[in-house]
């Protein structure tokens, strides 16, 4: 009886380890972008790069009409992934985040990236 319970526990732990390593591997294959939240609404989040954030000294305008053309390339708009919606993630202005994404980049200013897999807050 004890051997059967032990086998179930070991099998469960092995499966959990395989799932965890698969997730880590999948995310390691994604491109990672770090930036600061400018605006989050509906199903999109706009961030500014660390370089752009430093240039604005933390006073980042949300209204892109106030931004000089040469600074627009520091902004990126990502689609919020289903997983982040499912767990109820919220994003505050100037919060530092890491975005895992893959796929195409829509060439516009600001850049738009629909293939977002995960958004993670950085402390």
PDB file of N, CA and C in Angstrom:
ATOM      1  N   UNK A   1       0.812  -1.194   0.000  1.00  0.00           N
ATOM      2  CA  UNK A   1       0.000   0.000   0.000  1.00  0.00           C
ATOM      3  C   UNK A   1       0.861   1.266   0.000  1.00  0.00           C
ATOM      4  N   UNK A   2       1.928   1.258   0.822  1.00  0.00           N
ATOM      5  CA  UNK A   2       2.799   2.417   0.893  1.00  0.00           C
ATOM      6  C   UNK A   2       3.541   2.627  -0.417  1.00  0.00           C
ATOM      7  N   UNK A   3       3.930   1.537  -1.075  1.00  0.00           N
ATOM      8  CA  UNK A   3       4.655   1.643  -2.338  1.00  0.00           C
ATOM      9  C   UNK A   3       3.796   2.289  -3.419  1.00  0.00           C
ATOM     10  N   UNK A   4       2.505   1.980  -3.448  1.00  0.00           N
ATOM     11  CA  UNK A   4       1.601   2.545  -4.447  1.00  0.00           C
ATOM     12  C   UNK A   4       1.464   4.055  -4.245  1.00  0.00           C
ATOM     13  N   UNK A   5       1.312   4.489  -3.012  1.00  0.00           N
ATOM     14  CA  UNK A   5       1.210   5.914  -2.710  1.00  0.00           C
ATOM     15  C   UNK A   5       2.488   6.654  -3.051  1.00  0.00           C
ATOM     16  N   UNK A   6       3.621   6.033  -2.776  1.00  0.00           N
ATOM     17  CA  UNK A   6       4.908   6.627  -3.080  1.00  0.00           C
ATOM     18  C   UNK A   6       5.099   6.762  -4.595  1.00  0.00           C
ATOM     19  N   UNK A   7       4.667   5.755  -5.347  1.00  0.00           N
ATOM     20  CA  UNK A   7       4.762   5.807  -6.814  1.00  0.00           C
ATOM     21  C   UNK A   7       3.915   6.938  -7.366  1.00  0.00           C
ATOM     22  N   UNK A   8       2.733   7.138  -6.808  1.00  0.00           N
ATOM     23  CA  UNK A   8       1.848   8.220  -7.264  1.00  0.00           C
ATOM     24  C   UNK A   8       2.488   9.577  -6.986  1.00  0.00           C
ATOM     25  N   UNK A   9       3.071   9.730  -5.811  1.00  0.00           N
ATOM     26  CA  UNK A   9       3.717  10.993  -5.453  1.00  0.00           C
ATOM     27  C   UNK A   9       4.903  11.274  -6.365  1.00  0.00           C
ATOM     28  N   UNK A  10       5.727  10.265  -6.607  1.00  0.00           N
ATOM     29  CA  UNK A  10       6.899  10.438  -7.475  1.00  0.00           C
ATOM     30  C   UNK A  10       6.467  10.754  -8.903  1.00  0.00           C
ATOM     31  N   UNK A  11       5.467  10.057  -9.406  1.00  0.00           N
ATOM     32  CA  UNK A  11       4.954  10.313 -10.755  1.00  0.00           C
ATOM     33  C   UNK A  11       4.425  11.740 -10.874  1.00  0.00           C
ATOM     34  N   UNK A  12       3.700  12.190  -9.867  1.00  0.00           N
ATOM     35  CA  UNK A  12       3.153  13.549  -9.866  1.00  0.00           C
ATOM     36  C   UNK A  12       4.269  14.585  -9.864  1.00  0.00           C
ATOM     37  N   UNK A  13       5.282  14.385  -9.047  1.00  0.00           N
ATOM     38  CA  UNK A  13       6.410  15.314  -8.990  1.00  0.00           C
ATOM     39  C   UNK A  13       7.172  15.366 -10.311  1.00  0.00           C
ATOM     40  N   UNK A  14       7.360  14.215 -10.936  1.00  0.00           N
ATOM     41  CA  UNK A  14       8.044  14.172 -12.230  1.00  0.00           C
ATOM     42  C   UNK A  14       7.235  14.924 -13.285  1.00  0.00           C
ATOM     43  N   UNK A  15       5.928  14.715 -13.307  1.00  0.00           N
ATOM     44  CA  UNK A  15       5.073  15.429 -14.261  1.00  0.00           C
ATOM     45  C   UNK A  15       5.119  16.935 -14.037  1.00  0.00           C
ATOM     46  N   UNK A  16       5.054  17.364 -12.783  1.00  0.00           N
ATOM     47  CA  UNK A  16       5.137  18.796 -12.477  1.00  0.00           C
ATOM     48  C   UNK A  16       6.477  19.380 -12.910  1.00  0.00           C
ATOM     49  N   UNK A  17       7.550  18.634 -12.694  1.00  0.00           N
ATOM     50  CA  UNK A  17       8.873  19.088 -13.116  1.00  0.00           C
ATOM     51  C   UNK A  17       8.950  19.213 -14.640  1.00  0.00           C
ATOM     52  N   UNK A  18       8.372  18.263 -15.360  1.00  0.00           N
ATOM     53  CA  UNK A  18       8.352  18.325 -16.825  1.00  0.00           C
ATOM     54  C   UNK A  18       7.548  19.519 -17.324  1.00  0.00           C
ATOM     55  N   UNK A  19       6.408  19.761 -16.720  1.00  0.00           N
ATOM     56  CA  UNK A  19       5.578  20.903 -17.119  1.00  0.00           C
ATOM     57  C   UNK A  19       6.314  22.208 -16.838  1.00  0.00           C
ATOM     58  N   UNK A  20       6.909  22.330 -15.653  1.00  0.00           N
ATOM     59  CA  UNK A  20       7.633  23.552 -15.290  1.00  0.00           C
ATOM     60  C   UNK A  20       8.806  23.795 -16.235  1.00  0.00           C
ATOM     61  N   UNK A  21       9.561  22.744 -16.541  1.00  0.00           N
ATOM     62  CA  UNK A  21      10.708  22.922 -17.435  1.00  0.00           C
ATOM     63  C   UNK A  21      10.252  23.260 -18.857  1.00  0.00           C
ATOM     64  N   UNK A  22       9.121  22.731 -19.288  1.00  0.00           N
ATOM     65  CA  UNK A  22       8.580  23.072 -20.608  1.00  0.00           C
ATOM     66  C   UNK A  22       8.194  24.541 -20.685  1.00  0.00           C
ATOM     67  N   UNK A  23       7.567  25.050 -19.638  1.00  0.00           N
ATOM     68  CA  UNK A  23       7.177  26.468 -19.610  1.00  0.00           C
ATOM     69  C   UNK A  23       8.416  27.354 -19.621  1.00  0.00           C
ATOM     70  N   UNK A  24       9.401  27.019 -18.809  1.00  0.00           N
ATOM     71  CA  UNK A  24      10.645  27.805 -18.766  1.00  0.00           C
ATOM     72  C   UNK A  24      11.330  27.781 -20.130  1.00  0.00           C
ATOM     73  N   UNK A  25      11.387  26.629 -20.760  1.00  0.00           N
ATOM     74  CA  UNK A  25      12.006  26.536 -22.088  1.00  0.00           C
ATOM     75  C   UNK A  25      11.245  27.383 -23.103  1.00  0.00           C
ATOM     76  N   UNK A  26       9.914  27.276 -23.100  1.00  0.00           N
ATOM     77  CA  UNK A  26       9.091  28.037 -24.047  1.00  0.00           C
ATOM     78  C   UNK A  26       9.335  29.533 -23.888  1.00  0.00           C
ATOM     79  N   UNK A  27       9.325  30.019 -22.656  1.00  0.00           N
ATOM     80  CA  UNK A  27       9.528  31.443 -22.433  1.00  0.00           C
ATOM     81  C   UNK A  27      10.957  31.874 -22.756  1.00  0.00           C
ATOM     82  N   UNK A  28      11.915  30.977 -22.631  1.00  0.00           N
ATOM     83  CA  UNK A  28      13.291  31.336 -22.953  1.00  0.00           C
ATOM     84  C   UNK A  28      13.482  31.526 -24.456  1.00  0.00           C
ATOM     85  N   UNK A  29      12.595  30.985 -25.256  1.00  0.00           N
ATOM     86  CA  UNK A  29      12.678  31.120 -26.705  1.00  0.00           C
ATOM     87  C   UNK A  29      12.036  32.412 -27.206  1.00  0.00           C
ATOM     88  N   UNK A  30      11.357  33.128 -26.325  1.00  0.00           N
ATOM     89  CA  UNK A  30      10.692  34.377 -26.682  1.00  0.00           C
ATOM     90  C   UNK A  30      11.667  35.542 -26.616  1.00  0.00           C
ATOM     91  N   UNK A  31      11.322  36.604 -27.306  1.00  0.00           N
ATOM     92  CA  UNK A  31      12.056  37.853 -27.201  1.00  0.00           C
ATOM     93  C   UNK A  31      11.545  38.554 -25.950  1.00  0.00           C
ATOM     94  N   UNK A  32      12.428  39.199 -25.222  1.00  0.00           N
ATOM     95  CA  UNK A  32      12.032  39.883 -23.994  1.00  0.00           C
ATOM     96  C   UNK A  32      12.270  41.379 -24.156  1.00  0.00           C
ATOM     97  N   UNK A  33      11.291  42.164 -23.773  1.00  0.00           N
ATOM     98  CA  UNK A  33      11.405  43.617 -23.811  1.00  0.00           C
ATOM     99  C   UNK A  33      11.108  44.151 -22.421  1.00  0.00           C
ATOM    100  N   UNK A  34      11.976  45.012 -21.928  1.00  0.00           N
ATOM    101  CA  UNK A  34      11.771  45.627 -20.621  1.00  0.00           C
ATOM    102  C   UNK A  34      11.460  47.098 -20.839  1.00  0.00           C
ATOM    103  N   UNK A  35      10.463  47.583 -20.117  1.00  0.00           N
ATOM    104  CA  UNK A  35      10.101  48.988 -20.238  1.00  0.00           C
ATOM    105  C   UNK A  35       9.173  49.415 -19.123  1.00  0.00           C
ATOM    106  N   UNK A  36       8.666  50.620 -19.254  1.00  0.00           N
ATOM    107  CA  UNK A  36       7.782  51.208 -18.250  1.00  0.00           C
ATOM    108  C   UNK A  36       6.408  51.454 -18.860  1.00  0.00           C
ATOM    109  N   UNK A  37       5.369  51.185 -18.076  1.00  0.00           N
ATOM    110  CA  UNK A  37       3.998  51.340 -18.555  1.00  0.00           C
ATOM    111  C   UNK A  37       3.701  52.820 -18.765  1.00  0.00           C
ATOM    112  N   UNK A  38       3.197  53.131 -19.947  1.00  0.00           N
ATOM    113  CA  UNK A  38       2.726  54.475 -20.253  1.00  0.00           C
ATOM    114  C   UNK A  38       1.206  54.510 -20.095  1.00  0.00           C
ATOM    115  N   UNK A  39       0.575  53.454 -20.634  1.00  0.00           N
ATOM    116  CA  UNK A  39      -0.884  53.403 -20.614  1.00  0.00           C
ATOM    117  C   UNK A  39      -1.337  51.963 -20.832  1.00  0.00           C
ATOM    118  N   UNK A  40      -2.350  51.555 -20.101  1.00  0.00           N
ATOM    119  CA  UNK A  40      -2.938  50.228 -20.297  1.00  0.00           C
ATOM    120  C   UNK A  40      -4.449  50.388 -20.340  1.00  0.00           C
ATOM    121  N   UNK A  41      -5.037  49.915 -21.435  1.00  0.00           N
ATOM    122  CA  UNK A  41      -6.496  49.960 -21.534  1.00  0.00           C
ATOM    123  C   UNK A  41      -6.974  48.915 -22.531  1.00  0.00           C
ATOM    124  N   UNK A  42      -8.216  48.514 -22.343  1.00  0.00           N
ATOM    125  CA  UNK A  42      -8.827  47.474 -23.169  1.00  0.00           C
ATOM    126  C   UNK A  42      -7.910  46.254 -23.227  1.00  0.00           C
ATOM    127  N   UNK A  43      -7.432  45.926 -24.410  1.00  0.00           N
ATOM    128  CA  UNK A  43      -6.588  44.742 -24.539  1.00  0.00           C
ATOM    129  C   UNK A  43      -5.162  45.092 -24.981  1.00  0.00           C
ATOM    130  N   UNK A  44      -4.762  46.341 -24.747  1.00  0.00           N
ATOM    131  CA  UNK A  44      -3.425  46.769 -25.161  1.00  0.00           C
ATOM    132  C   UNK A  44      -2.715  47.480 -24.024  1.00  0.00           C
ATOM    133  N   UNK A  45      -1.398  47.403 -24.082  1.00  0.00           N
ATOM    134  CA  UNK A  45      -0.567  48.114 -23.121  1.00  0.00           C
ATOM    135  C   UNK A  45       0.544  48.810 -23.895  1.00  0.00           C
ATOM    136  N   UNK A  46       0.760  50.083 -23.607  1.00  0.00           N
ATOM    137  CA  UNK A  46       1.831  50.828 -24.256  1.00  0.00           C
ATOM    138  C   UNK A  46       2.949  51.026 -23.231  1.00  0.00           C
ATOM    139  N   UNK A  47       4.168  50.719 -23.675  1.00  0.00           N
ATOM    140  CA  UNK A  47       5.315  50.911 -22.790  1.00  0.00           C
ATOM    141  C   UNK A  47       6.331  51.813 -23.480  1.00  0.00           C
ATOM    142  N   UNK A  48       7.254  52.325 -22.677  1.00  0.00           N
ATOM    143  CA  UNK A  48       8.381  53.078 -23.219  1.00  0.00           C
ATOM    144  C   UNK A  48       9.649  52.374 -22.754  1.00  0.00           C
ATOM    145  N   UNK A  49      10.642  52.375 -23.607  1.00  0.00           N
ATOM    146  CA  UNK A  49      11.905  51.699 -23.286  1.00  0.00           C
ATOM    147  C   UNK A  49      12.580  52.367 -22.093  1.00  0.00           C
ATOM    148  N   UNK A  50      13.523  51.649 -21.501  1.00  0.00           N
ATOM    149  CA  UNK A  50      14.277  52.218 -20.379  1.00  0.00           C
ATOM    150  C   UNK A  50      15.029  53.481 -20.817  1.00  0.00           C
ATOM    151  N   UNK A  51      15.576  53.452 -22.026  1.00  0.00           N
ATOM    152  CA  UNK A  51      16.306  54.600 -22.564  1.00  0.00           C
ATOM    153  C   UNK A  51      15.375  55.815 -22.689  1.00  0.00           C
ATOM    154  N   UNK A  52      14.179  55.583 -23.238  1.00  0.00           N
ATOM    155  CA  UNK A  52      13.212  56.668 -23.377  1.00  0.00           C
ATOM    156  C   UNK A  52      12.730  57.190 -22.037  1.00  0.00           C
ATOM    157  N   UNK A  53      12.544  56.284 -21.090  1.00  0.00           N
ATOM    158  CA  UNK A  53      12.089  56.667 -19.754  1.00  0.00           C
ATOM    159  C   UNK A  53      13.109  57.596 -19.090  1.00  0.00           C
ATOM    160  N   UNK A  54      14.394  57.276 -19.263  1.00  0.00           N
ATOM    161  CA  UNK A  54      15.450  58.113 -18.687  1.00  0.00           C
ATOM    162  C   UNK A  54      15.494  59.482 -19.355  1.00  0.00           C
ATOM    163  N   UNK A  55      15.269  59.529 -20.683  1.00  0.00           N
ATOM    164  CA  UNK A  55      15.278  60.813 -21.392  1.00  0.00           C
ATOM    165  C   UNK A  55      14.158  61.727 -20.892  1.00  0.00           C
ATOM    166  N   UNK A  56      13.000  61.131 -20.592  1.00  0.00           N
ATOM    167  CA  UNK A  56      11.870  61.922 -20.087  1.00  0.00           C
ATOM    168  C   UNK A  56      11.965  62.146 -18.571  1.00  0.00           C
ATOM    169  N   UNK A  57      12.982  61.574 -17.954  1.00  0.00           N
ATOM    170  CA  UNK A  57      13.191  61.678 -16.507  1.00  0.00           C
ATOM    171  C   UNK A  57      11.954  61.249 -15.718  1.00  0.00           C
ATOM    172  N   UNK A  58      11.260  60.225 -16.211  1.00  0.00           N
ATOM    173  CA  UNK A  58      10.102  59.672 -15.517  1.00  0.00           C
ATOM    174  C   UNK A  58       8.793  60.381 -15.799  1.00  0.00           C
ATOM    175  N   UNK A  59       8.832  61.546 -16.442  1.00  0.00           N
ATOM    176  CA  UNK A  59       7.604  62.297 -16.769  1.00  0.00           C
ATOM    177  C   UNK A  59       7.186  61.987 -18.202  1.00  0.00           C
ATOM    178  N   UNK A  60       6.752  60.775 -18.423  1.00  0.00           N
ATOM    179  CA  UNK A  60       6.450  60.286 -19.774  1.00  0.00           C
ATOM    180  C   UNK A  60       5.042  60.718 -20.177  1.00  0.00           C
ATOM    181  N   UNK A  61       4.908  61.425 -21.303  1.00  0.00           N
ATOM    182  CA  UNK A  61       3.565  61.815 -21.756  1.00  0.00           C
ATOM    183  C   UNK A  61       2.790  60.629 -22.328  1.00  0.00           C
ATOM    184  N   UNK A  62       1.513  60.530 -21.947  1.00  0.00           N
ATOM    185  CA  UNK A  62       0.643  59.483 -22.495  1.00  0.00           C
ATOM    186  C   UNK A  62       0.105  59.888 -23.858  1.00  0.00           C
ATOM    187  N   UNK A  63      -0.069  61.171 -24.061  1.00  0.00           N
ATOM    188  CA  UNK A  63      -0.593  61.684 -25.327  1.00  0.00           C
ATOM    189  C   UNK A  63       0.560  61.783 -26.322  1.00  0.00           C
ATOM    190  N   UNK A  64       0.531  60.935 -27.326  1.00  0.00           N
ATOM    191  CA  UNK A  64       1.646  60.872 -28.282  1.00  0.00           C
ATOM    192  C   UNK A  64       1.759  62.132 -29.134  1.00  0.00           C
ATOM    193  N   UNK A  65       0.724  62.967 -29.133  1.00  0.00           N
ATOM    194  CA  UNK A  65       0.822  64.231 -29.881  1.00  0.00           C
ATOM    195  C   UNK A  65       1.830  65.174 -29.221  1.00  0.00           C
ATOM    196  N   UNK A  66       2.147  64.925 -27.943  1.00  0.00           N
ATOM    197  CA  UNK A  66       3.111  65.753 -27.221  1.00  0.00           C
ATOM    198  C   UNK A  66       4.546  65.259 -27.404  1.00  0.00           C
ATOM    199  N   UNK A  67       4.717  64.149 -28.085  1.00  0.00           N
ATOM    200  CA  UNK A  67       6.033  63.512 -28.207  1.00  0.00           C
ATOM    201  C   UNK A  67       6.663  63.878 -29.547  1.00  0.00           C
ATOM    202  N   UNK A  68       7.941  64.245 -29.510  1.00  0.00           N
ATOM    203  CA  UNK A  68       8.666  64.539 -30.745  1.00  0.00           C
ATOM    204  C   UNK A  68       8.815  63.261 -31.560  1.00  0.00           C
ATOM    205  N   UNK A  69       8.822  63.402 -32.864  1.00  0.00           N
ATOM    206  CA  UNK A  69       8.882  62.242 -33.766  1.00  0.00           C
ATOM    207  C   UNK A  69      10.037  61.297 -33.459  1.00  0.00           C
ATOM    208  N   UNK A  70      11.209  61.836 -33.150  1.00  0.00           N
ATOM    209  CA  UNK A  70      12.367  60.974 -32.919  1.00  0.00           C
ATOM    210  C   UNK A  70      12.226  60.140 -31.650  1.00  0.00           C
ATOM    211  N   UNK A  71      11.313  60.524 -30.755  1.00  0.00           N
ATOM    212  CA  UNK A  71      11.099  59.758 -29.518  1.00  0.00           C
ATOM    213  C   UNK A  71      10.015  58.684 -29.681  1.00  0.00           C
ATOM    214  N   UNK A  72       9.225  58.747 -30.749  1.00  0.00           N
ATOM    215  CA  UNK A  72       8.152  57.761 -30.932  1.00  0.00           C
ATOM    216  C   UNK A  72       8.680  56.340 -31.042  1.00  0.00           C
ATOM    217  N   UNK A  73       9.912  56.191 -31.510  1.00  0.00           N
ATOM    218  CA  UNK A  73      10.478  54.842 -31.654  1.00  0.00           C
ATOM    219  C   UNK A  73      10.768  54.199 -30.296  1.00  0.00           C
ATOM    220  N   UNK A  74      10.739  54.961 -29.223  1.00  0.00           N
ATOM    221  CA  UNK A  74      10.953  54.416 -27.883  1.00  0.00           C
ATOM    222  C   UNK A  74       9.684  53.787 -27.309  1.00  0.00           C
ATOM    223  N   UNK A  75       8.547  54.015 -27.950  1.00  0.00           N
ATOM    224  CA  UNK A  75       7.261  53.478 -27.501  1.00  0.00           C
ATOM    225  C   UNK A  75       6.951  52.175 -28.224  1.00  0.00           C
ATOM    226  N   UNK A  76       6.296  51.251 -27.530  1.00  0.00           N
ATOM    227  CA  UNK A  76       5.835  50.003 -28.137  1.00  0.00           C
ATOM    228  C   UNK A  76       4.471  49.664 -27.555  1.00  0.00           C
ATOM    229  N   UNK A  77       3.569  49.232 -28.413  1.00  0.00           N
ATOM    230  CA  UNK A  77       2.250  48.788 -27.969  1.00  0.00           C
ATOM    231  C   UNK A  77       2.172  47.268 -28.106  1.00  0.00           C
ATOM    232  N   UNK A  78       1.809  46.614 -27.012  1.00  0.00           N
ATOM    233  CA  UNK A  78       1.651  45.161 -26.991  1.00  0.00           C
ATOM    234  C   UNK A  78       0.187  44.820 -26.736  1.00  0.00           C
ATOM    235  N   UNK A  79      -0.244  43.717 -27.299  1.00  0.00           N
ATOM    236  CA  UNK A  79      -1.564  43.187 -26.963  1.00  0.00           C
ATOM    237  C   UNK A  79      -1.425  42.417 -25.649  1.00  0.00           C
ATOM    238  N   UNK A  80      -2.355  42.620 -24.737  1.00  0.00           N
ATOM    239  CA  UNK A  80      -2.296  41.923 -23.454  1.00  0.00           C
ATOM    240  C   UNK A  80      -2.693  40.467 -23.678  1.00  0.00           C
ATOM    241  N   UNK A  81      -1.854  39.511 -23.278  1.00  0.00           N
ATOM    242  CA  UNK A  81      -2.149  38.098 -23.532  1.00  0.00           C
ATOM    243  C   UNK A  81      -3.316  37.579 -22.689  1.00  0.00           C
ATOM    244  N   UNK A  82      -3.938  36.521 -23.184  1.00  0.00           N
ATOM    245  CA  UNK A  82      -5.092  35.925 -22.500  1.00  0.00           C
ATOM    246  C   UNK A  82      -4.759  35.494 -21.079  1.00  0.00           C
ATOM    247  N   UNK A  83      -3.557  34.961 -20.863  1.00  0.00           N
ATOM    248  CA  UNK A  83      -3.176  34.511 -19.531  1.00  0.00           C
ATOM    249  C   UNK A  83      -3.210  35.668 -18.534  1.00  0.00           C
ATOM    250  N   UNK A  84      -2.648  36.817 -18.930  1.00  0.00           N
ATOM    251  CA  UNK A  84      -2.647  37.969 -18.035  1.00  0.00           C
ATOM    252  C   UNK A  84      -4.065  38.478 -17.775  1.00  0.00           C
ATOM    253  N   UNK A  85      -4.936  38.387 -18.777  1.00  0.00           N
ATOM    254  CA  UNK A  85      -6.340  38.772 -18.568  1.00  0.00           C
ATOM    255  C   UNK A  85      -7.019  37.793 -17.610  1.00  0.00           C
ATOM    256  N   UNK A  86      -6.712  36.507 -17.782  1.00  0.00           N
ATOM    257  CA  UNK A  86      -7.319  35.464 -16.970  1.00  0.00           C
ATOM    258  C   UNK A  86      -6.986  35.631 -15.486  1.00  0.00           C
ATOM    259  N   UNK A  87      -5.741  35.986 -15.183  1.00  0.00           N
ATOM    260  CA  UNK A  87      -5.355  36.145 -13.780  1.00  0.00           C
ATOM    261  C   UNK A  87      -5.636  37.555 -13.251  1.00  0.00           C
ATOM    262  N   UNK A  88      -6.199  38.417 -14.095  1.00  0.00           N
ATOM    263  CA  UNK A  88      -6.610  39.749 -13.653  1.00  0.00           C
ATOM    264  C   UNK A  88      -5.464  40.719 -13.433  1.00  0.00           C
ATOM    265  N   UNK A  89      -4.428  40.623 -14.244  1.00  0.00           N
ATOM    266  CA  UNK A  89      -3.283  41.528 -14.102  1.00  0.00           C
ATOM    267  C   UNK A  89      -3.708  42.975 -14.350  1.00  0.00           C
ATOM    268  N   UNK A  90      -3.167  43.865 -13.538  1.00  0.00           N
ATOM    269  CA  UNK A  90      -3.393  45.305 -13.726  1.00  0.00           C
ATOM    270  C   UNK A  90      -2.035  45.976 -13.838  1.00  0.00           C
ATOM    271  N   UNK A  91      -2.020  47.117 -14.508  1.00  0.00           N
ATOM    272  CA  UNK A  91      -0.768  47.804 -14.758  1.00  0.00           C
ATOM    273  C   UNK A  91      -0.937  49.283 -14.438  1.00  0.00           C
ATOM    274  N   UNK A  92       0.003  49.808 -13.683  1.00  0.00           N
ATOM    275  CA  UNK A  92      -0.017  51.215 -13.306  1.00  0.00           C
ATOM    276  C   UNK A  92       1.026  51.974 -14.101  1.00  0.00           C
ATOM    277  N   UNK A  93       0.743  53.246 -14.352  1.00  0.00           N
ATOM    278  CA  UNK A  93       1.680  54.089 -15.086  1.00  0.00           C
ATOM    279  C   UNK A  93       3.026  54.108 -14.362  1.00  0.00           C
ATOM    280  N   UNK A  94       4.092  54.070 -15.136  1.00  0.00           N
ATOM    281  CA  UNK A  94       5.490  54.085 -14.670  1.00  0.00           C
ATOM    282  C   UNK A  94       5.929  52.793 -13.992  1.00  0.00           C
ATOM    283  N   UNK A  95       5.104  51.756 -14.042  1.00  0.00           N
ATOM    284  CA  UNK A  95       5.478  50.466 -13.470  1.00  0.00           C
ATOM    285  C   UNK A  95       6.422  49.755 -14.439  1.00  0.00           C
ATOM    286  N   UNK A  96       7.501  49.169 -13.914  1.00  0.00           N
ATOM    287  CA  UNK A  96       8.485  48.483 -14.761  1.00  0.00           C
ATOM    288  C   UNK A  96       8.010  47.061 -15.027  1.00  0.00           C
ATOM    289  N   UNK A  97       8.013  46.662 -16.309  1.00  0.00           N
ATOM    290  CA  UNK A  97       7.541  45.326 -16.691  1.00  0.00           C
ATOM    291  C   UNK A  97       8.495  44.684 -17.692  1.00  0.00           C
ATOM    292  N   UNK A  98       8.378  43.370 -17.799  1.00  0.00           N
ATOM    293  CA  UNK A  98       9.091  42.600 -18.825  1.00  0.00           C
ATOM    294  C   UNK A  98       8.021  41.916 -19.661  1.00  0.00           C
ATOM    295  N   UNK A  99       8.128  42.057 -20.983  1.00  0.00           N
ATOM    296  CA  UNK A  99       7.160  41.482 -21.904  1.00  0.00           C
ATOM    297  C   UNK A  99       7.846  40.391 -22.718  1.00  0.00           C
ATOM    298  N   UNK A 100       7.239  39.203 -22.724  1.00  0.00           N
ATOM    299  CA  UNK A 100       7.731  38.078 -23.525  1.00  0.00           C
ATOM    300  C   UNK A 100       6.868  38.009 -24.781  1.00  0.00           C
ATOM    301  N   UNK A 101       7.506  38.038 -25.948  1.00  0.00           N
ATOM    302  CA  UNK A 101       6.732  38.044 -27.185  1.00  0.00           C
ATOM    303  C   UNK A 101       7.476  37.314 -28.294  1.00  0.00           C
ATOM    304  N   UNK A 102       6.729  37.030 -29.349  1.00  0.00           N
ATOM    305  CA  UNK A 102       7.292  36.374 -30.528  1.00  0.00           C
ATOM    306  C   UNK A 102       6.472  36.798 -31.742  1.00  0.00           C
ATOM    307  N   UNK A 103       7.011  36.528 -32.911  1.00  0.00           N
ATOM    308  CA  UNK A 103       6.238  36.760 -34.127  1.00  0.00           C
ATOM    309  C   UNK A 103       6.528  38.096 -34.788  1.00  0.00           C
ATOM    310  N   UNK A 104       5.503  38.617 -35.433  1.00  0.00           N
ATOM    311  CA  UNK A 104       5.665  39.793 -36.283  1.00  0.00           C
ATOM    312  C   UNK A 104       5.632  41.093 -35.484  1.00  0.00           C
ATOM    313  N   UNK A 105       6.201  42.105 -36.096  1.00  0.00           N
ATOM    314  CA  UNK A 105       6.163  43.461 -35.559  1.00  0.00           C
ATOM    315  C   UNK A 105       5.496  44.327 -36.625  1.00  0.00           C
ATOM    316  N   UNK A 106       4.422  44.997 -36.242  1.00  0.00           N
ATOM    317  CA  UNK A 106       3.738  45.878 -37.184  1.00  0.00           C
ATOM    318  C   UNK A 106       4.503  47.194 -37.242  1.00  0.00           C
ATOM    319  N   UNK A 107       4.983  47.522 -38.416  1.00  0.00           N
ATOM    320  CA  UNK A 107       5.817  48.707 -38.565  1.00  0.00           C
ATOM    321  C   UNK A 107       4.966  49.953 -38.582  1.00  0.00           C
ATOM    322  N   UNK A 108       4.896  50.575 -37.449  1.00  0.00           N
ATOM    323  CA  UNK A 108       4.179  51.826 -37.280  1.00  0.00           C
ATOM    324  C   UNK A 108       4.866  52.581 -36.153  1.00  0.00           C
ATOM    325  N   UNK A 109       4.454  53.776 -35.918  1.00  0.00           N
ATOM    326  CA  UNK A 109       4.972  54.534 -34.782  1.00  0.00           C
ATOM    327  C   UNK A 109       3.804  54.894 -33.889  1.00  0.00           C
ATOM    328  N   UNK A 110       3.730  54.400 -32.680  1.00  0.00           N
ATOM    329  CA  UNK A 110       4.666  53.457 -32.077  1.00  0.00           C
ATOM    330  C   UNK A 110       4.508  52.056 -32.666  1.00  0.00           C
ATOM    331  N   UNK A 111       5.542  51.258 -32.501  1.00  0.00           N
ATOM    332  CA  UNK A 111       5.545  49.880 -32.972  1.00  0.00           C
ATOM    333  C   UNK A 111       4.427  49.109 -32.268  1.00  0.00           C
ATOM    334  N   UNK A 112       3.781  48.187 -32.987  1.00  0.00           N
ATOM    335  CA  UNK A 112       2.739  47.346 -32.402  1.00  0.00           C
ATOM    336  C   UNK A 112       3.156  45.886 -32.532  1.00  0.00           C
ATOM    337  N   UNK A 113       2.991  45.131 -31.425  1.00  0.00           N
ATOM    338  CA  UNK A 113       3.378  43.721 -31.418  1.00  0.00           C
ATOM    339  C   UNK A 113       2.196  42.892 -30.924  1.00  0.00           C
ATOM    340  N   UNK A 114       1.546  42.147 -31.835  1.00  0.00           N
ATOM    341  CA  UNK A 114       0.386  41.350 -31.430  1.00  0.00           C
ATOM    342  C   UNK A 114       0.735  40.015 -30.769  1.00  0.00           C
ATOM    343  N   UNK A 115       1.943  39.496 -30.944  1.00  0.00           N
ATOM    344  CA  UNK A 115       2.283  38.157 -30.455  1.00  0.00           C
ATOM    345  C   UNK A 115       2.821  38.134 -29.037  1.00  0.00           C
ATOM    346  N   UNK A 116       2.101  38.729 -28.106  1.00  0.00           N
ATOM    347  CA  UNK A 116       2.554  38.784 -26.725  1.00  0.00           C
ATOM    348  C   UNK A 116       2.153  37.503 -25.992  1.00  0.00           C
ATOM    349  N   UNK A 117       3.091  36.890 -25.270  1.00  0.00           N
ATOM    350  CA  UNK A 117       2.828  35.650 -24.547  1.00  0.00           C
ATOM    351  C   UNK A 117       2.661  35.838 -23.053  1.00  0.00           C
ATOM    352  N   UNK A 118       3.391  36.798 -22.481  1.00  0.00           N
ATOM    353  CA  UNK A 118       3.334  36.997 -21.028  1.00  0.00           C
ATOM    354  C   UNK A 118       3.843  38.396 -20.701  1.00  0.00           C
ATOM    355  N   UNK A 119       3.199  39.026 -19.734  1.00  0.00           N
ATOM    356  CA  UNK A 119       3.682  40.303 -19.205  1.00  0.00           C
ATOM    357  C   UNK A 119       3.928  40.084 -17.720  1.00  0.00           C
ATOM    358  N   UNK A 120       5.148  40.417 -17.272  1.00  0.00           N
ATOM    359  CA  UNK A 120       5.530  40.180 -15.890  1.00  0.00           C
ATOM    360  C   UNK A 120       6.041  41.480 -15.282  1.00  0.00           C
ATOM    361  N   UNK A 121       5.572  41.768 -14.071  1.00  0.00           N
ATOM    362  CA  UNK A 121       6.029  42.977 -13.371  1.00  0.00           C
ATOM    363  C   UNK A 121       7.416  42.742 -12.798  1.00  0.00           C
ATOM    364  N   UNK A 122       8.244  43.787 -12.855  1.00  0.00           N
ATOM    365  CA  UNK A 122       9.590  43.737 -12.291  1.00  0.00           C
ATOM    366  C   UNK A 122       9.614  44.686 -11.104  1.00  0.00           C
ATOM    367  N   UNK A 123      10.167  44.219 -10.016  1.00  0.00           N
ATOM    368  CA  UNK A 123      10.233  45.072  -8.813  1.00  0.00           C
ATOM    369  C   UNK A 123      11.462  45.917  -8.814  1.00  0.00           C
TER     370      UNK A 123
END
